[in-house]
């Protein structure tokens, strides 16, 4: 079987090298302009990033509150406010309905 129309590997290698050289040429050296990608964030996106950064600074567990509540429970002085608990449950249900 004879395959025609193929180039010897030496010619393919030369073409690859030439392409590699062309890509490494600096546009500044040839008098062209340099094109770069850029990204500009909207004020809303910047605000969101700032909020996310501040949220990362807040610890997941508020150790001071946990320790205070543990002491109150151990001492028998912890008195939860039933109306605050009920309000929280209602607010949570309302948020679930909105979502």
PDB file of N, CA and C in Angstrom:
ATOM      1  N   UNK A   1       0.849  -1.171   0.000  1.00  0.00           N
ATOM      2  CA  UNK A   1       0.000   0.000   0.000  1.00  0.00           C
ATOM      3  C   UNK A   1       0.893   1.231   0.000  1.00  0.00           C
ATOM      4  N   UNK A   2       0.571   2.153  -0.837  1.00  0.00           N
ATOM      5  CA  UNK A   2       1.362   3.357  -0.946  1.00  0.00           C
ATOM      6  C   UNK A   2       0.529   4.540  -0.460  1.00  0.00           C
ATOM      7  N   UNK A   3       1.114   5.317   0.440  1.00  0.00           N
ATOM      8  CA  UNK A   3       0.445   6.517   0.948  1.00  0.00           C
ATOM      9  C   UNK A   3       1.124   7.702   0.303  1.00  0.00           C
ATOM     10  N   UNK A   4       0.335   8.507  -0.385  1.00  0.00           N
ATOM     11  CA  UNK A   4       0.929   9.661  -1.042  1.00  0.00           C
ATOM     12  C   UNK A   4       0.418  10.938  -0.377  1.00  0.00           C
ATOM     13  N   UNK A   5       1.130  11.981  -0.574  1.00  0.00           N
ATOM     14  CA  UNK A   5       0.709  13.268  -0.061  1.00  0.00           C
ATOM     15  C   UNK A   5       1.191  13.549   1.350  1.00  0.00           C
ATOM     16  N   UNK A   6       2.063  12.749   1.897  1.00  0.00           N
ATOM     17  CA  UNK A   6       2.571  13.030   3.237  1.00  0.00           C
ATOM     18  C   UNK A   6       3.912  13.726   3.132  1.00  0.00           C
ATOM     19  N   UNK A   7       4.231  14.498   4.133  1.00  0.00           N
ATOM     20  CA  UNK A   7       5.506  15.210   4.147  1.00  0.00           C
ATOM     21  C   UNK A   7       6.464  14.454   5.049  1.00  0.00           C
ATOM     22  N   UNK A   8       7.694  14.413   4.681  1.00  0.00           N
ATOM     23  CA  UNK A   8       8.660  13.782   5.572  1.00  0.00           C
ATOM     24  C   UNK A   8       8.685  14.504   6.919  1.00  0.00           C
ATOM     25  N   UNK A   9       9.041  13.790   7.944  1.00  0.00           N
ATOM     26  CA  UNK A   9       8.995  14.355   9.295  1.00  0.00           C
ATOM     27  C   UNK A   9       9.898  15.566   9.441  1.00  0.00           C
ATOM     28  N   UNK A  10      10.928  15.661   8.689  1.00  0.00           N
ATOM     29  CA  UNK A  10      11.818  16.814   8.764  1.00  0.00           C
ATOM     30  C   UNK A  10      11.101  18.100   8.383  1.00  0.00           C
ATOM     31  N   UNK A  11      10.259  18.034   7.358  1.00  0.00           N
ATOM     32  CA  UNK A  11       9.511  19.210   6.927  1.00  0.00           C
ATOM     33  C   UNK A  11       8.455  19.589   7.971  1.00  0.00           C
ATOM     34  N   UNK A  12       7.823  18.580   8.551  1.00  0.00           N
ATOM     35  CA  UNK A  12       6.818  18.848   9.597  1.00  0.00           C
ATOM     36  C   UNK A  12       7.496  19.515  10.784  1.00  0.00           C
ATOM     37  N   UNK A  13       8.669  19.029  11.151  1.00  0.00           N
ATOM     38  CA  UNK A  13       9.393  19.599  12.279  1.00  0.00           C
ATOM     39  C   UNK A  13       9.777  21.045  11.998  1.00  0.00           C
ATOM     40  N   UNK A  14      10.174  21.351  10.778  1.00  0.00           N
ATOM     41  CA  UNK A  14      10.523  22.728  10.416  1.00  0.00           C
ATOM     42  C   UNK A  14       9.304  23.643  10.533  1.00  0.00           C
ATOM     43  N   UNK A  15       8.165  23.160  10.067  1.00  0.00           N
ATOM     44  CA  UNK A  15       6.950  23.967  10.150  1.00  0.00           C
ATOM     45  C   UNK A  15       6.586  24.227  11.606  1.00  0.00           C
ATOM     46  N   UNK A  16       6.722  23.212  12.446  1.00  0.00           N
ATOM     47  CA  UNK A  16       6.438  23.374  13.875  1.00  0.00           C
ATOM     48  C   UNK A  16       7.385  24.394  14.492  1.00  0.00           C
ATOM     49  N   UNK A  17       8.658  24.311  14.185  1.00  0.00           N
ATOM     50  CA  UNK A  17       9.643  25.240  14.732  1.00  0.00           C
ATOM     51  C   UNK A  17       9.345  26.670  14.272  1.00  0.00           C
ATOM     52  N   UNK A  18       8.976  26.837  12.996  1.00  0.00           N
ATOM     53  CA  UNK A  18       8.670  28.169  12.477  1.00  0.00           C
ATOM     54  C   UNK A  18       7.455  28.748  13.208  1.00  0.00           C
ATOM     55  N   UNK A  19       6.447  27.926  13.431  1.00  0.00           N
ATOM     56  CA  UNK A  19       5.258  28.371  14.150  1.00  0.00           C
ATOM     57  C   UNK A  19       5.620  28.754  15.582  1.00  0.00           C
ATOM     58  N   UNK A  20       6.492  27.987  16.189  1.00  0.00           N
ATOM     59  CA  UNK A  20       6.928  28.273  17.558  1.00  0.00           C
ATOM     60  C   UNK A  20       7.668  29.613  17.612  1.00  0.00           C
ATOM     61  N   UNK A  21       8.510  29.878  16.644  1.00  0.00           N
ATOM     62  CA  UNK A  21       9.263  31.135  16.586  1.00  0.00           C
ATOM     63  C   UNK A  21       8.305  32.303  16.374  1.00  0.00           C
ATOM     64  N   UNK A  22       7.332  32.134  15.488  1.00  0.00           N
ATOM     65  CA  UNK A  22       6.363  33.203  15.215  1.00  0.00           C
ATOM     66  C   UNK A  22       5.581  33.571  16.468  1.00  0.00           C
ATOM     67  N   UNK A  23       5.240  32.596  17.257  1.00  0.00           N
ATOM     68  CA  UNK A  23       4.459  32.867  18.467  1.00  0.00           C
ATOM     69  C   UNK A  23       5.267  33.556  19.550  1.00  0.00           C
ATOM     70  N   UNK A  24       6.563  33.332  19.561  1.00  0.00           N
ATOM     71  CA  UNK A  24       7.395  33.923  20.609  1.00  0.00           C
ATOM     72  C   UNK A  24       7.874  35.324  20.258  1.00  0.00           C
ATOM     73  N   UNK A  25       7.661  35.745  19.015  1.00  0.00           N
ATOM     74  CA  UNK A  25       8.061  37.107  18.647  1.00  0.00           C
ATOM     75  C   UNK A  25       7.226  38.109  19.416  1.00  0.00           C
ATOM     76  N   UNK A  26       7.876  39.114  19.893  1.00  0.00           N
ATOM     77  CA  UNK A  26       7.187  40.160  20.642  1.00  0.00           C
ATOM     78  C   UNK A  26       6.518  41.129  19.691  1.00  0.00           C
ATOM     79  N   UNK A  27       5.228  41.436  19.912  1.00  0.00           N
ATOM     80  CA  UNK A  27       4.580  42.432  19.050  1.00  0.00           C
ATOM     81  C   UNK A  27       5.231  43.802  19.161  1.00  0.00           C
ATOM     82  N   UNK A  28       5.818  44.097  20.301  1.00  0.00           N
ATOM     83  CA  UNK A  28       6.484  45.395  20.476  1.00  0.00           C
ATOM     84  C   UNK A  28       7.695  45.498  19.557  1.00  0.00           C
ATOM     85  N   UNK A  29       8.419  44.377  19.429  1.00  0.00           N
ATOM     86  CA  UNK A  29       9.621  44.396  18.598  1.00  0.00           C
ATOM     87  C   UNK A  29       9.271  44.600  17.127  1.00  0.00           C
ATOM     88  N   UNK A  30       8.105  44.115  16.719  1.00  0.00           N
ATOM     89  CA  UNK A  30       7.724  44.267  15.320  1.00  0.00           C
ATOM     90  C   UNK A  30       6.892  45.527  15.093  1.00  0.00           C
ATOM     91  N   UNK A  31       6.767  46.395  16.112  1.00  0.00           N
ATOM     92  CA  UNK A  31       6.048  47.652  15.967  1.00  0.00           C
ATOM     93  C   UNK A  31       4.553  47.527  16.202  1.00  0.00           C
ATOM     94  N   UNK A  32       4.078  46.356  16.591  1.00  0.00           N
ATOM     95  CA  UNK A  32       2.648  46.161  16.831  1.00  0.00           C
ATOM     96  C   UNK A  32       2.275  46.558  18.247  1.00  0.00           C
ATOM     97  N   UNK A  33       1.024  46.427  18.538  1.00  0.00           N
ATOM     98  CA  UNK A  33       0.555  46.730  19.890  1.00  0.00           C
ATOM     99  C   UNK A  33       0.319  45.431  20.646  1.00  0.00           C
ATOM    100  N   UNK A  34       0.484  45.506  21.929  1.00  0.00           N
ATOM    101  CA  UNK A  34       0.278  44.333  22.774  1.00  0.00           C
ATOM    102  C   UNK A  34      -1.176  44.310  23.203  1.00  0.00           C
ATOM    103  N   UNK A  35      -1.836  43.204  22.940  1.00  0.00           N
ATOM    104  CA  UNK A  35      -3.214  43.051  23.374  1.00  0.00           C
ATOM    105  C   UNK A  35      -3.227  42.159  24.608  1.00  0.00           C
ATOM    106  N   UNK A  36      -3.909  42.634  25.618  1.00  0.00           N
ATOM    107  CA  UNK A  36      -4.023  41.838  26.827  1.00  0.00           C
ATOM    108  C   UNK A  36      -5.479  41.743  27.221  1.00  0.00           C
ATOM    109  N   UNK A  37      -5.793  40.701  27.939  1.00  0.00           N
ATOM    110  CA  UNK A  37      -7.138  40.551  28.463  1.00  0.00           C
ATOM    111  C   UNK A  37      -7.262  41.396  29.712  1.00  0.00           C
ATOM    112  N   UNK A  38      -8.432  41.929  29.923  1.00  0.00           N
ATOM    113  CA  UNK A  38      -8.657  42.696  31.141  1.00  0.00           C
ATOM    114  C   UNK A  38     -10.052  42.411  31.656  1.00  0.00           C
ATOM    115  N   UNK A  39     -10.237  42.661  32.920  1.00  0.00           N
ATOM    116  CA  UNK A  39     -11.507  42.425  33.569  1.00  0.00           C
ATOM    117  C   UNK A  39     -11.773  43.573  34.517  1.00  0.00           C
ATOM    118  N   UNK A  40     -12.932  44.153  34.413  1.00  0.00           N
ATOM    119  CA  UNK A  40     -13.305  45.231  35.315  1.00  0.00           C
ATOM    120  C   UNK A  40     -14.563  44.810  36.056  1.00  0.00           C
ATOM    121  N   UNK A  41     -14.475  44.806  37.374  1.00  0.00           N
ATOM    122  CA  UNK A  41     -15.610  44.392  38.186  1.00  0.00           C
ATOM    123  C   UNK A  41     -16.566  45.558  38.415  1.00  0.00           C
ATOM    124  N   UNK A  42     -17.836  45.232  38.450  1.00  0.00           N
ATOM    125  CA  UNK A  42     -18.839  46.248  38.739  1.00  0.00           C
ATOM    126  C   UNK A  42     -18.762  46.613  40.221  1.00  0.00           C
ATOM    127  N   UNK A  43     -19.293  47.751  40.596  1.00  0.00           N
ATOM    128  CA  UNK A  43     -19.294  48.122  42.021  1.00  0.00           C
ATOM    129  C   UNK A  43     -20.006  47.076  42.884  1.00  0.00           C
ATOM    130  N   UNK A  44     -21.056  46.475  42.348  1.00  0.00           N
ATOM    131  CA  UNK A  44     -21.769  45.439  43.095  1.00  0.00           C
ATOM    132  C   UNK A  44     -20.881  44.218  43.333  1.00  0.00           C
ATOM    133  N   UNK A  45     -20.130  43.833  42.323  1.00  0.00           N
ATOM    134  CA  UNK A  45     -19.242  42.677  42.456  1.00  0.00           C
ATOM    135  C   UNK A  45     -18.134  42.971  43.460  1.00  0.00           C
ATOM    136  N   UNK A  46     -17.605  44.208  43.432  1.00  0.00           N
ATOM    137  CA  UNK A  46     -16.571  44.579  44.403  1.00  0.00           C
ATOM    138  C   UNK A  46     -17.131  44.562  45.822  1.00  0.00           C
ATOM    139  N   UNK A  47     -18.356  45.049  45.980  1.00  0.00           N
ATOM    140  CA  UNK A  47     -18.991  45.041  47.301  1.00  0.00           C
ATOM    141  C   UNK A  47     -19.194  43.614  47.780  1.00  0.00           C
ATOM    142  N   UNK A  48     -19.596  42.736  46.869  1.00  0.00           N
ATOM    143  CA  UNK A  48     -19.794  41.327  47.227  1.00  0.00           C
ATOM    144  C   UNK A  48     -18.471  40.701  47.674  1.00  0.00           C
ATOM    145  N   UNK A  49     -17.391  41.010  46.977  1.00  0.00           N
ATOM    146  CA  UNK A  49     -16.089  40.476  47.363  1.00  0.00           C
ATOM    147  C   UNK A  49     -15.676  40.969  48.745  1.00  0.00           C
ATOM    148  N   UNK A  50     -15.934  42.233  49.033  1.00  0.00           N
ATOM    149  CA  UNK A  50     -15.587  42.778  50.340  1.00  0.00           C
ATOM    150  C   UNK A  50     -16.396  42.097  51.444  1.00  0.00           C
ATOM    151  N   UNK A  51     -17.675  41.874  51.184  1.00  0.00           N
ATOM    152  CA  UNK A  51     -18.521  41.200  52.173  1.00  0.00           C
ATOM    153  C   UNK A  51     -18.036  39.776  52.398  1.00  0.00           C
ATOM    154  N   UNK A  52     -17.706  39.066  51.321  1.00  0.00           N
ATOM    155  CA  UNK A  52     -17.219  37.702  51.452  1.00  0.00           C
ATOM    156  C   UNK A  52     -15.917  37.659  52.249  1.00  0.00           C
ATOM    157  N   UNK A  53     -15.048  38.624  52.032  1.00  0.00           N
ATOM    158  CA  UNK A  53     -13.784  38.666  52.771  1.00  0.00           C
ATOM    159  C   UNK A  53     -14.038  38.896  54.258  1.00  0.00           C
ATOM    160  N   UNK A  54     -14.974  39.788  54.581  1.00  0.00           N
ATOM    161  CA  UNK A  54     -15.295  40.049  55.982  1.00  0.00           C
ATOM    162  C   UNK A  54     -15.954  38.840  56.637  1.00  0.00           C
ATOM    163  N   UNK A  55     -16.794  38.120  55.885  1.00  0.00           N
ATOM    164  CA  UNK A  55     -17.438  36.922  56.423  1.00  0.00           C
ATOM    165  C   UNK A  55     -16.419  35.832  56.738  1.00  0.00           C
ATOM    166  N   UNK A  56     -15.360  35.771  55.932  1.00  0.00           N
ATOM    167  CA  UNK A  56     -14.319  34.772  56.195  1.00  0.00           C
ATOM    168  C   UNK A  56     -13.567  35.069  57.483  1.00  0.00           C
ATOM    169  N   UNK A  57     -13.555  36.335  57.895  1.00  0.00           N
ATOM    170  CA  UNK A  57     -12.863  36.718  59.133  1.00  0.00           C
ATOM    171  C   UNK A  57     -13.644  36.308  60.371  1.00  0.00           C
ATOM    172  N   UNK A  58     -14.960  36.151  60.235  1.00  0.00           N
ATOM    173  CA  UNK A  58     -15.799  35.792  61.375  1.00  0.00           C
ATOM    174  C   UNK A  58     -15.650  34.293  61.631  1.00  0.00           C
ATOM    175  N   UNK A  59     -15.373  33.916  62.878  1.00  0.00           N
ATOM    176  CA  UNK A  59     -15.234  32.486  63.168  1.00  0.00           C
ATOM    177  C   UNK A  59     -16.576  31.764  63.025  1.00  0.00           C
ATOM    178  N   UNK A  60     -16.507  30.477  62.637  1.00  0.00           N
ATOM    179  CA  UNK A  60     -17.732  29.702  62.475  1.00  0.00           C
ATOM    180  C   UNK A  60     -18.421  29.477  63.815  1.00  0.00           C
ATOM    181  N   UNK A  61     -17.642  29.278  64.837  1.00  0.00           N
ATOM    182  CA  UNK A  61     -18.191  29.041  66.173  1.00  0.00           C
ATOM    183  C   UNK A  61     -17.784  30.206  67.066  1.00  0.00           C
ATOM    184  N   UNK A  62     -18.773  30.829  67.652  1.00  0.00           N
ATOM    185  CA  UNK A  62     -18.503  31.941  68.564  1.00  0.00           C
ATOM    186  C   UNK A  62     -18.208  31.345  69.940  1.00  0.00           C
ATOM    187  N   UNK A  63     -16.931  31.089  70.171  1.00  0.00           N
ATOM    188  CA  UNK A  63     -16.492  30.403  71.386  1.00  0.00           C
ATOM    189  C   UNK A  63     -16.940  31.135  72.652  1.00  0.00           C
ATOM    190  N   UNK A  64     -16.876  32.461  72.652  1.00  0.00           N
ATOM    191  CA  UNK A  64     -17.271  33.208  73.840  1.00  0.00           C
ATOM    192  C   UNK A  64     -18.739  32.974  74.183  1.00  0.00           C
ATOM    193  N   UNK A  65     -19.601  32.963  73.180  1.00  0.00           N
ATOM    194  CA  UNK A  65     -21.024  32.735  73.413  1.00  0.00           C
ATOM    195  C   UNK A  65     -21.275  31.300  73.861  1.00  0.00           C
ATOM    196  N   UNK A  66     -20.611  30.348  73.225  1.00  0.00           N
ATOM    197  CA  UNK A  66     -20.778  28.943  73.590  1.00  0.00           C
ATOM    198  C   UNK A  66     -20.348  28.720  75.030  1.00  0.00           C
ATOM    199  N   UNK A  67     -19.207  29.272  75.419  1.00  0.00           N
ATOM    200  CA  UNK A  67     -18.716  29.095  76.793  1.00  0.00           C
ATOM    201  C   UNK A  67     -19.651  29.746  77.810  1.00  0.00           C
ATOM    202  N   UNK A  68     -20.171  30.927  77.471  1.00  0.00           N
ATOM    203  CA  UNK A  68     -21.086  31.607  78.391  1.00  0.00           C
ATOM    204  C   UNK A  68     -22.358  30.785  78.591  1.00  0.00           C
ATOM    205  N   UNK A  69     -22.900  30.267  77.488  1.00  0.00           N
ATOM    206  CA  UNK A  69     -24.117  29.468  77.595  1.00  0.00           C
ATOM    207  C   UNK A  69     -23.879  28.165  78.354  1.00  0.00           C
ATOM    208  N   UNK A  70     -22.719  27.549  78.143  1.00  0.00           N
ATOM    209  CA  UNK A  70     -22.389  26.323  78.888  1.00  0.00           C
ATOM    210  C   UNK A  70     -22.370  26.588  80.388  1.00  0.00           C
ATOM    211  N   UNK A  71     -21.744  27.703  80.780  1.00  0.00           N
ATOM    212  CA  UNK A  71     -21.676  28.047  82.201  1.00  0.00           C
ATOM    213  C   UNK A  71     -23.069  28.301  82.768  1.00  0.00           C
ATOM    214  N   UNK A  72     -23.895  29.034  82.026  1.00  0.00           N
ATOM    215  CA  UNK A  72     -25.252  29.315  82.490  1.00  0.00           C
ATOM    216  C   UNK A  72     -26.059  28.037  82.644  1.00  0.00           C
ATOM    217  N   UNK A  73     -25.905  27.111  81.697  1.00  0.00           N
ATOM    218  CA  UNK A  73     -26.631  25.837  81.790  1.00  0.00           C
ATOM    219  C   UNK A  73     -26.146  25.042  82.994  1.00  0.00           C
ATOM    220  N   UNK A  74     -24.828  24.969  83.206  1.00  0.00           N
ATOM    221  CA  UNK A  74     -24.269  24.230  84.331  1.00  0.00           C
ATOM    222  C   UNK A  74     -24.700  24.838  85.664  1.00  0.00           C
ATOM    223  N   UNK A  75     -24.765  26.156  85.728  1.00  0.00           N
ATOM    224  CA  UNK A  75     -25.150  26.838  86.966  1.00  0.00           C
ATOM    225  C   UNK A  75     -26.664  26.850  87.169  1.00  0.00           C
ATOM    226  N   UNK A  76     -27.422  26.507  86.133  1.00  0.00           N
ATOM    227  CA  UNK A  76     -28.876  26.530  86.226  1.00  0.00           C
ATOM    228  C   UNK A  76     -29.458  27.920  86.081  1.00  0.00           C
ATOM    229  N   UNK A  77     -28.662  28.848  85.560  1.00  0.00           N
ATOM    230  CA  UNK A  77     -29.135  30.226  85.409  1.00  0.00           C
ATOM    231  C   UNK A  77     -29.578  30.553  83.989  1.00  0.00           C
ATOM    232  N   UNK A  78     -29.511  29.577  83.111  1.00  0.00           N
ATOM    233  CA  UNK A  78     -29.910  29.817  81.717  1.00  0.00           C
ATOM    234  C   UNK A  78     -31.425  29.838  81.624  1.00  0.00           C
ATOM    235  N   UNK A  79     -31.955  30.945  81.203  1.00  0.00           N
ATOM    236  CA  UNK A  79     -33.406  31.113  81.057  1.00  0.00           C
ATOM    237  C   UNK A  79     -33.693  31.584  79.632  1.00  0.00           C
ATOM    238  N   UNK A  80     -33.998  30.645  78.735  1.00  0.00           N
ATOM    239  CA  UNK A  80     -34.283  31.054  77.358  1.00  0.00           C
ATOM    240  C   UNK A  80     -35.584  31.844  77.289  1.00  0.00           C
ATOM    241  N   UNK A  81     -35.627  32.814  76.389  1.00  0.00           N
ATOM    242  CA  UNK A  81     -36.808  33.648  76.195  1.00  0.00           C
ATOM    243  C   UNK A  81     -37.706  32.971  75.157  1.00  0.00           C
ATOM    244  N   UNK A  82     -38.838  32.461  75.612  1.00  0.00           N
ATOM    245  CA  UNK A  82     -39.738  31.707  74.746  1.00  0.00           C
ATOM    246  C   UNK A  82     -40.258  32.559  73.590  1.00  0.00           C
ATOM    247  N   UNK A  83     -40.497  33.832  73.819  1.00  0.00           N
ATOM    248  CA  UNK A  83     -41.015  34.670  72.730  1.00  0.00           C
ATOM    249  C   UNK A  83     -39.952  34.892  71.646  1.00  0.00           C
ATOM    250  N   UNK A  84     -38.684  35.002  72.031  1.00  0.00           N
ATOM    251  CA  UNK A  84     -37.620  35.145  71.034  1.00  0.00           C
ATOM    252  C   UNK A  84     -37.492  33.863  70.208  1.00  0.00           C
ATOM    253  N   UNK A  85     -37.632  32.731  70.871  1.00  0.00           N
ATOM    254  CA  UNK A  85     -37.549  31.454  70.158  1.00  0.00           C
ATOM    255  C   UNK A  85     -38.698  31.346  69.162  1.00  0.00           C
ATOM    256  N   UNK A  86     -39.908  31.686  69.612  1.00  0.00           N
ATOM    257  CA  UNK A  86     -41.078  31.632  68.734  1.00  0.00           C
ATOM    258  C   UNK A  86     -40.923  32.591  67.561  1.00  0.00           C
ATOM    259  N   UNK A  87     -40.441  33.801  67.825  1.00  0.00           N
ATOM    260  CA  UNK A  87     -40.217  34.773  66.749  1.00  0.00           C
ATOM    261  C   UNK A  87     -39.217  34.237  65.727  1.00  0.00           C
ATOM    262  N   UNK A  88     -38.169  33.599  66.215  1.00  0.00           N
ATOM    263  CA  UNK A  88     -37.156  33.037  65.318  1.00  0.00           C
ATOM    264  C   UNK A  88     -37.723  31.938  64.442  1.00  0.00           C
ATOM    265  N   UNK A  89     -38.574  31.092  65.033  1.00  0.00           N
ATOM    266  CA  UNK A  89     -39.201  30.013  64.256  1.00  0.00           C
ATOM    267  C   UNK A  89     -40.103  30.603  63.177  1.00  0.00           C
ATOM    268  N   UNK A  90     -40.879  31.603  63.537  1.00  0.00           N
ATOM    269  CA  UNK A  90     -41.785  32.230  62.572  1.00  0.00           C
ATOM    270  C   UNK A  90     -40.991  32.898  61.448  1.00  0.00           C
ATOM    271  N   UNK A  91     -39.935  33.612  61.796  1.00  0.00           N
ATOM    272  CA  UNK A  91     -39.114  34.275  60.773  1.00  0.00           C
ATOM    273  C   UNK A  91     -38.502  33.245  59.821  1.00  0.00           C
ATOM    274  N   UNK A  92     -38.053  32.128  60.377  1.00  0.00           N
ATOM    275  CA  UNK A  92     -37.457  31.076  59.546  1.00  0.00           C
ATOM    276  C   UNK A  92     -38.496  30.513  58.583  1.00  0.00           C
ATOM    277  N   UNK A  93     -39.704  30.295  59.057  1.00  0.00           N
ATOM    278  CA  UNK A  93     -40.779  29.771  58.181  1.00  0.00           C
ATOM    279  C   UNK A  93     -41.116  30.777  57.089  1.00  0.00           C
ATOM    280  N   UNK A  94     -41.159  32.057  57.440  1.00  0.00           N
ATOM    281  CA  UNK A  94     -41.459  33.073  56.440  1.00  0.00           C
ATOM    282  C   UNK A  94     -40.374  33.136  55.366  1.00  0.00           C
ATOM    283  N   UNK A  95     -39.130  33.012  55.792  1.00  0.00           N
ATOM    284  CA  UNK A  95     -38.024  33.021  54.819  1.00  0.00           C
ATOM    285  C   UNK A  95     -38.102  31.799  53.900  1.00  0.00           C
ATOM    286  N   UNK A  96     -38.483  30.646  54.475  1.00  0.00           N
ATOM    287  CA  UNK A  96     -38.607  29.440  53.652  1.00  0.00           C
ATOM    288  C   UNK A  96     -39.678  29.615  52.578  1.00  0.00           C
ATOM    289  N   UNK A  97     -40.775  30.292  52.927  1.00  0.00           N
ATOM    290  CA  UNK A  97     -41.852  30.506  51.965  1.00  0.00           C
ATOM    291  C   UNK A  97     -41.412  31.475  50.858  1.00  0.00           C
ATOM    292  N   UNK A  98     -40.605  32.471  51.198  1.00  0.00           N
ATOM    293  CA  UNK A  98     -40.141  33.438  50.204  1.00  0.00           C
ATOM    294  C   UNK A  98     -39.201  32.790  49.202  1.00  0.00           C
ATOM    295  N   UNK A  99     -38.406  31.870  49.685  1.00  0.00           N
ATOM    296  CA  UNK A  99     -37.425  31.222  48.811  1.00  0.00           C
ATOM    297  C   UNK A  99     -38.137  30.179  47.992  1.00  0.00           C
TER     298      UNK A  99
END
